[in-house]
C-alpha atoms as a PDB file:
ATOM      1  CA  MET A   1      80.395 101.633  97.165  1.00  0.00           C
ATOM      2  CA  ARG A   2      80.155 105.018  98.837  1.00  0.00           C
ATOM      3  CA  VAL A   3      82.708 106.841 100.961  1.00  0.00           C
ATOM      4  CA  ARG A   4      82.400 109.744 103.359  1.00  0.00           C
ATOM      5  CA  ILE A   5      85.119 112.404 103.517  1.00  0.00           C
ATOM      6  CA  ASP A   6      85.151 114.054 106.918  1.00  0.00           C
ATOM      7  CA  GLY A   7      85.403 117.804 106.486  1.00  0.00           C
ATOM      8  CA  GLU A   8      87.042 118.410 109.849  1.00  0.00           C
ATOM      9  CA  ASN A   9      89.614 115.606 109.748  1.00  0.00           C
ATOM     10  CA  CYS A  10      90.864 116.235 106.193  1.00  0.00           C
ATOM     11  CA  THR A  11      94.089 118.214 106.524  1.00  0.00           C
ATOM     12  CA  GLY A  12      95.097 118.349 102.880  1.00  0.00           C
ATOM     13  CA  HIS A  13      97.820 115.699 102.621  1.00  0.00           C
ATOM     14  CA  GLY A  14      96.435 114.612  99.225  1.00  0.00           C
ATOM     15  CA  ARG A  15      97.425 110.982  99.624  1.00  0.00           C
ATOM     16  CA  CYS A  16      93.904 109.821  98.783  1.00  0.00           C
ATOM     17  CA  ALA A  17      94.139 111.351  95.319  1.00  0.00           C
ATOM     18  CA  LYS A  18      97.633 109.944  94.797  1.00  0.00           C
ATOM     19  CA  TYR A  19      96.247 106.404  95.014  1.00  0.00           C
ATOM     20  CA  ALA A  20      92.810 107.060  93.533  1.00  0.00           C
ATOM     21  CA  PRO A  21      92.849 110.084  91.212  1.00  0.00           C
ATOM     22  CA  ASN A  22      89.640 108.932  89.513  1.00  0.00           C
ATOM     23  CA  VAL A  23      87.833 108.911  92.859  1.00  0.00           C
ATOM     24  CA  TYR A  24      89.233 111.697  95.028  1.00  0.00           C
ATOM     25  CA  ARG A  25      89.499 115.266  93.752  1.00  0.00           C
ATOM     26  CA  LEU A  26      91.743 117.861  95.364  1.00  0.00           C
ATOM     27  CA  ASP A  27      90.862 121.511  95.755  1.00  0.00           C
ATOM     28  CA  GLU A  28      93.288 123.423  93.539  1.00  0.00           C
ATOM     29  CA  ILE A  29      93.527 126.296  96.009  1.00  0.00           C
ATOM     30  CA  ASP A  30      94.494 124.537  99.229  1.00  0.00           C
ATOM     31  CA  GLY A  31      95.003 120.845  98.343  1.00  0.00           C
ATOM     32  CA  TYR A  32      92.211 119.569 100.561  1.00  0.00           C
ATOM     33  CA  ASN A  33      89.831 116.932  99.262  1.00  0.00           C
ATOM     34  CA  ALA A  34      87.338 118.890  97.156  1.00  0.00           C
ATOM     35  CA  ASP A  35      84.488 116.669  98.390  1.00  0.00           C
ATOM     36  CA  ARG A  36      85.256 116.982 102.093  1.00  0.00           C
ATOM     37  CA  GLY A  37      82.167 117.058 104.230  1.00  0.00           C
ATOM     38  CA  THR A  38      80.208 114.903 101.784  1.00  0.00           C
ATOM     39  CA  THR A  39      79.538 111.314 100.796  1.00  0.00           C
ATOM     40  CA  ILE A  40      80.514 110.319  97.273  1.00  0.00           C
ATOM     41  CA  THR A  41      79.780 107.308  95.099  1.00  0.00           C
ATOM     42  CA  VAL A  42      82.894 105.499  93.925  1.00  0.00           C
ATOM     43  CA  PRO A  43      82.871 104.874  90.151  1.00  0.00           C
ATOM     44  CA  GLU A  44      82.472 101.238  89.172  1.00  0.00           C
ATOM     45  CA  GLY A  45      85.834  99.523  88.909  1.00  0.00           C
ATOM     46  CA  GLU A  46      87.548 102.051  91.223  1.00  0.00           C
ATOM     47  CA  GLU A  47      86.701 100.343  94.517  1.00  0.00           C
ATOM     48  CA  LYS A  48      90.192  98.935  95.085  1.00  0.00           C
ATOM     49  CA  ALA A  49      91.837 102.295  94.361  1.00  0.00           C
ATOM     50  CA  ALA A  50      89.317 104.080  96.599  1.00  0.00           C
ATOM     51  CA  THR A  51      90.139 101.713  99.441  1.00  0.00           C
ATOM     52  CA  MET A  52      93.870 102.254  98.946  1.00  0.00           C
ATOM     53  CA  GLY A  53      93.324 106.025  99.002  1.00  0.00           C
ATOM     54  CA  MET A  54      91.237 105.713 102.143  1.00  0.00           C
ATOM     55  CA  LYS A  55      93.942 103.667 103.884  1.00  0.00           C
ATOM     56  CA  ALA A  56      96.626 106.150 102.811  1.00  0.00           C
ATOM     57  CA  CYS A  57      94.919 109.016 104.663  1.00  0.00           C
ATOM     58  CA  PRO A  58      96.982 109.672 107.812  1.00  0.00           C
ATOM     59  CA  GLU A  59      94.036 111.426 109.460  1.00  0.00           C
ATOM     60  CA  ARG A  60      91.549 108.597 108.699  1.00  0.00           C
ATOM     61  CA  ALA A  61      89.209 111.208 107.220  1.00  0.00           C
ATOM     62  CA  ILE A  62      87.671 108.751 104.725  1.00  0.00           C
ATOM     63  CA  THR A  63      85.317 105.947 105.684  1.00  0.00           C
ATOM     64  CA  ILE A  64      83.263 103.458 103.688  1.00  0.00           C
ATOM     65  CA  VAL A  65      79.541 103.962 104.245  1.00  0.00           C
ATOM     66  CA  SER A  66      78.094 101.291 101.959  1.00  0.00           C
END
């Protein structure tokens, strides 16, 4: 499974990392998703958490790409 984090829509709420800390990393400076603007591969076994983190994003900045 791969997810795309939209660099423009991410506003730094950090809810994705709350639900999936092994998937989504936050920038320590401003709290935005550290991988915004990229597509990342979800570690095996973390798909459910990644989906929960995606759904928790109020800006819908995370989408599943495969």
